[in-house]
């Protein structure tokens, strides 16, 4: 994945993302080096994001749909 300014944000309504065409599950490397499964969103202007607790992320490895 191309180098981007990645952020981890809180989802206001996580259930909405489960059916969204822009969302997919991913393995995210956090700033402290730990990994966590999260939802990766290709839409850059979603109203479902809470930026108040945004943290940096090092990398994202999305799950490829078969």
N, C-alpha and C. Protein backbone atom coordinates (compact mmCIF):
# COMPACT_ATOMS: atom_id res chain seq x y z
N UNK A 1 0.85 -1.17 0.00
CA UNK A 1 0.00 0.00 0.00
C UNK A 1 0.89 1.24 0.00
N UNK A 2 0.50 2.24 -0.74
CA UNK A 2 1.29 3.46 -0.83
C UNK A 2 1.40 4.14 0.53
N UNK A 3 2.51 4.83 0.73
CA UNK A 3 2.75 5.54 1.99
C UNK A 3 1.79 6.71 2.10
N UNK A 4 0.98 6.73 3.14
CA UNK A 4 -0.01 7.78 3.35
C UNK A 4 0.05 8.24 4.79
N UNK A 5 -0.60 9.32 5.08
CA UNK A 5 -0.74 9.80 6.44
C UNK A 5 -1.92 9.06 7.06
N UNK A 6 -1.66 7.91 7.66
CA UNK A 6 -2.71 7.04 8.20
C UNK A 6 -3.10 7.47 9.60
N UNK A 7 -4.40 7.45 9.87
CA UNK A 7 -4.93 7.77 11.20
C UNK A 7 -5.91 6.70 11.64
N UNK A 8 -5.92 6.44 12.93
CA UNK A 8 -6.91 5.55 13.54
C UNK A 8 -7.91 6.46 14.23
N UNK A 9 -9.18 6.35 13.82
CA UNK A 9 -10.24 7.18 14.40
C UNK A 9 -11.31 6.27 14.97
N UNK A 10 -12.09 6.80 15.89
CA UNK A 10 -13.21 6.06 16.47
C UNK A 10 -14.40 6.17 15.53
N UNK A 11 -15.14 5.06 15.39
CA UNK A 11 -16.35 5.06 14.58
C UNK A 11 -17.54 5.39 15.46
N UNK A 12 -18.37 6.31 15.01
CA UNK A 12 -19.54 6.70 15.78
C UNK A 12 -20.56 5.56 15.79
N UNK A 13 -20.85 4.98 14.63
CA UNK A 13 -21.77 3.84 14.48
C UNK A 13 -21.06 2.74 13.69
N UNK A 14 -20.29 1.88 14.35
CA UNK A 14 -19.51 0.85 13.64
C UNK A 14 -20.33 -0.07 12.74
N UNK A 15 -21.59 -0.34 13.10
CA UNK A 15 -22.43 -1.23 12.30
C UNK A 15 -22.68 -0.69 10.90
N UNK A 16 -22.67 0.62 10.74
CA UNK A 16 -22.87 1.20 9.41
C UNK A 16 -21.74 0.80 8.46
N UNK A 17 -20.54 0.65 8.99
CA UNK A 17 -19.37 0.32 8.15
C UNK A 17 -19.40 -1.11 7.64
N UNK A 18 -20.09 -1.99 8.34
CA UNK A 18 -20.11 -3.40 7.94
C UNK A 18 -20.76 -3.61 6.58
N UNK A 19 -21.68 -2.72 6.19
CA UNK A 19 -22.35 -2.85 4.90
C UNK A 19 -21.91 -1.79 3.90
N UNK A 20 -20.96 -0.97 4.25
CA UNK A 20 -20.51 0.12 3.37
C UNK A 20 -19.59 -0.42 2.27
N UNK A 21 -19.77 0.05 1.06
CA UNK A 21 -18.95 -0.42 -0.07
C UNK A 21 -17.53 0.11 -0.02
N UNK A 22 -17.25 1.11 0.79
CA UNK A 22 -15.91 1.67 0.90
C UNK A 22 -15.07 1.02 2.00
N UNK A 23 -15.69 0.19 2.84
CA UNK A 23 -15.01 -0.39 4.00
C UNK A 23 -14.57 -1.82 3.74
N UNK A 24 -13.41 -2.17 4.34
CA UNK A 24 -12.94 -3.55 4.32
C UNK A 24 -12.10 -3.78 5.58
N UNK A 25 -12.03 -5.03 6.02
CA UNK A 25 -11.25 -5.33 7.21
C UNK A 25 -9.77 -5.28 6.86
N UNK A 26 -8.97 -4.95 7.85
CA UNK A 26 -7.53 -4.81 7.63
C UNK A 26 -6.77 -5.08 8.91
N UNK A 27 -5.51 -5.42 8.75
CA UNK A 27 -4.57 -5.57 9.86
C UNK A 27 -3.81 -4.24 9.92
N UNK A 28 -3.93 -3.53 11.05
CA UNK A 28 -3.36 -2.20 11.19
C UNK A 28 -2.21 -2.23 12.19
N UNK A 29 -1.06 -1.68 11.79
CA UNK A 29 0.08 -1.54 12.70
C UNK A 29 0.00 -0.16 13.34
N UNK A 30 -0.12 -0.14 14.65
CA UNK A 30 -0.22 1.11 15.39
C UNK A 30 1.15 1.73 15.61
N UNK A 31 1.18 2.96 16.09
CA UNK A 31 2.42 3.68 16.29
C UNK A 31 3.37 2.97 17.25
N UNK A 32 2.82 2.19 18.20
CA UNK A 32 3.67 1.49 19.18
C UNK A 32 4.17 0.14 18.66
N UNK A 33 3.85 -0.20 17.40
CA UNK A 33 4.34 -1.45 16.81
C UNK A 33 3.41 -2.64 16.95
N UNK A 34 2.32 -2.49 17.68
CA UNK A 34 1.36 -3.59 17.83
C UNK A 34 0.41 -3.61 16.63
N UNK A 35 -0.20 -4.79 16.40
CA UNK A 35 -1.14 -4.95 15.30
C UNK A 35 -2.54 -5.17 15.85
N UNK A 36 -3.54 -4.67 15.10
CA UNK A 36 -4.93 -4.83 15.51
C UNK A 36 -5.81 -4.90 14.26
N UNK A 37 -6.84 -5.75 14.30
CA UNK A 37 -7.79 -5.84 13.18
C UNK A 37 -8.77 -4.69 13.30
N UNK A 38 -8.95 -3.98 12.19
CA UNK A 38 -9.84 -2.81 12.17
C UNK A 38 -10.52 -2.73 10.82
N UNK A 39 -11.36 -1.73 10.67
CA UNK A 39 -12.00 -1.45 9.39
C UNK A 39 -11.20 -0.37 8.69
N UNK A 40 -10.83 -0.63 7.45
CA UNK A 40 -10.13 0.36 6.63
C UNK A 40 -11.14 0.97 5.67
N UNK A 41 -11.19 2.28 5.61
CA UNK A 41 -12.16 2.98 4.77
C UNK A 41 -11.44 3.68 3.63
N UNK A 42 -11.92 3.45 2.40
CA UNK A 42 -11.34 4.11 1.23
C UNK A 42 -11.97 5.48 1.00
N UNK A 43 -13.03 5.77 1.71
CA UNK A 43 -13.68 7.08 1.59
C UNK A 43 -12.99 8.02 2.56
N UNK A 44 -12.58 9.17 2.12
CA UNK A 44 -11.78 10.06 2.96
C UNK A 44 -12.58 11.16 3.66
N UNK A 45 -13.90 11.13 3.52
CA UNK A 45 -14.71 12.19 4.12
C UNK A 45 -15.97 11.66 4.80
N UNK A 46 -15.85 10.57 5.51
CA UNK A 46 -17.01 9.92 6.11
C UNK A 46 -17.51 10.69 7.33
N UNK A 47 -18.83 10.80 7.44
CA UNK A 47 -19.45 11.47 8.59
C UNK A 47 -19.52 10.58 9.82
N UNK A 48 -19.12 9.33 9.69
CA UNK A 48 -19.18 8.36 10.79
C UNK A 48 -17.89 8.33 11.60
N UNK A 49 -16.97 9.22 11.34
CA UNK A 49 -15.69 9.24 12.05
C UNK A 49 -15.68 10.28 13.16
N UNK A 50 -15.08 9.92 14.28
CA UNK A 50 -14.87 10.85 15.40
C UNK A 50 -13.38 11.13 15.47
N UNK A 51 -12.98 12.32 15.04
CA UNK A 51 -11.57 12.68 14.96
C UNK A 51 -10.96 13.09 16.31
N UNK A 52 -11.77 13.23 17.35
CA UNK A 52 -11.28 13.76 18.62
C UNK A 52 -10.19 12.89 19.26
N UNK A 53 -10.18 11.60 18.96
CA UNK A 53 -9.17 10.71 19.55
C UNK A 53 -8.26 10.09 18.48
N UNK A 54 -8.04 10.78 17.38
CA UNK A 54 -7.25 10.25 16.27
C UNK A 54 -5.81 9.96 16.70
N UNK A 55 -5.31 8.80 16.27
CA UNK A 55 -3.93 8.39 16.54
C UNK A 55 -3.27 8.04 15.21
N UNK A 56 -1.96 8.11 15.17
CA UNK A 56 -1.22 7.73 13.97
C UNK A 56 -1.13 6.22 13.85
N UNK A 57 -1.08 5.75 12.61
CA UNK A 57 -0.86 4.33 12.33
C UNK A 57 0.34 4.22 11.40
N UNK A 58 1.11 3.12 11.55
CA UNK A 58 2.28 2.92 10.69
C UNK A 58 1.94 2.31 9.36
N UNK A 59 1.07 1.30 9.36
CA UNK A 59 0.75 0.61 8.10
C UNK A 59 -0.62 -0.06 8.18
N UNK A 60 -1.15 -0.37 7.00
CA UNK A 60 -2.43 -1.07 6.88
C UNK A 60 -2.26 -2.16 5.84
N UNK A 61 -2.65 -3.36 6.19
CA UNK A 61 -2.65 -4.50 5.27
C UNK A 61 -4.10 -4.97 5.14
N UNK A 62 -4.76 -4.61 4.03
CA UNK A 62 -6.17 -4.96 3.86
C UNK A 62 -6.33 -6.43 3.49
N UNK A 63 -7.46 -6.98 3.88
CA UNK A 63 -7.82 -8.35 3.52
C UNK A 63 -8.34 -8.34 2.09
N UNK A 64 -7.74 -9.13 1.23
CA UNK A 64 -8.16 -9.21 -0.17
C UNK A 64 -9.41 -10.07 -0.26
N UNK A 65 -10.44 -9.56 -0.92
CA UNK A 65 -11.66 -10.34 -1.13
C UNK A 65 -11.42 -11.40 -2.21
N UNK A 66 -11.88 -12.59 -1.96
CA UNK A 66 -11.66 -13.67 -2.93
C UNK A 66 -12.78 -13.73 -3.93
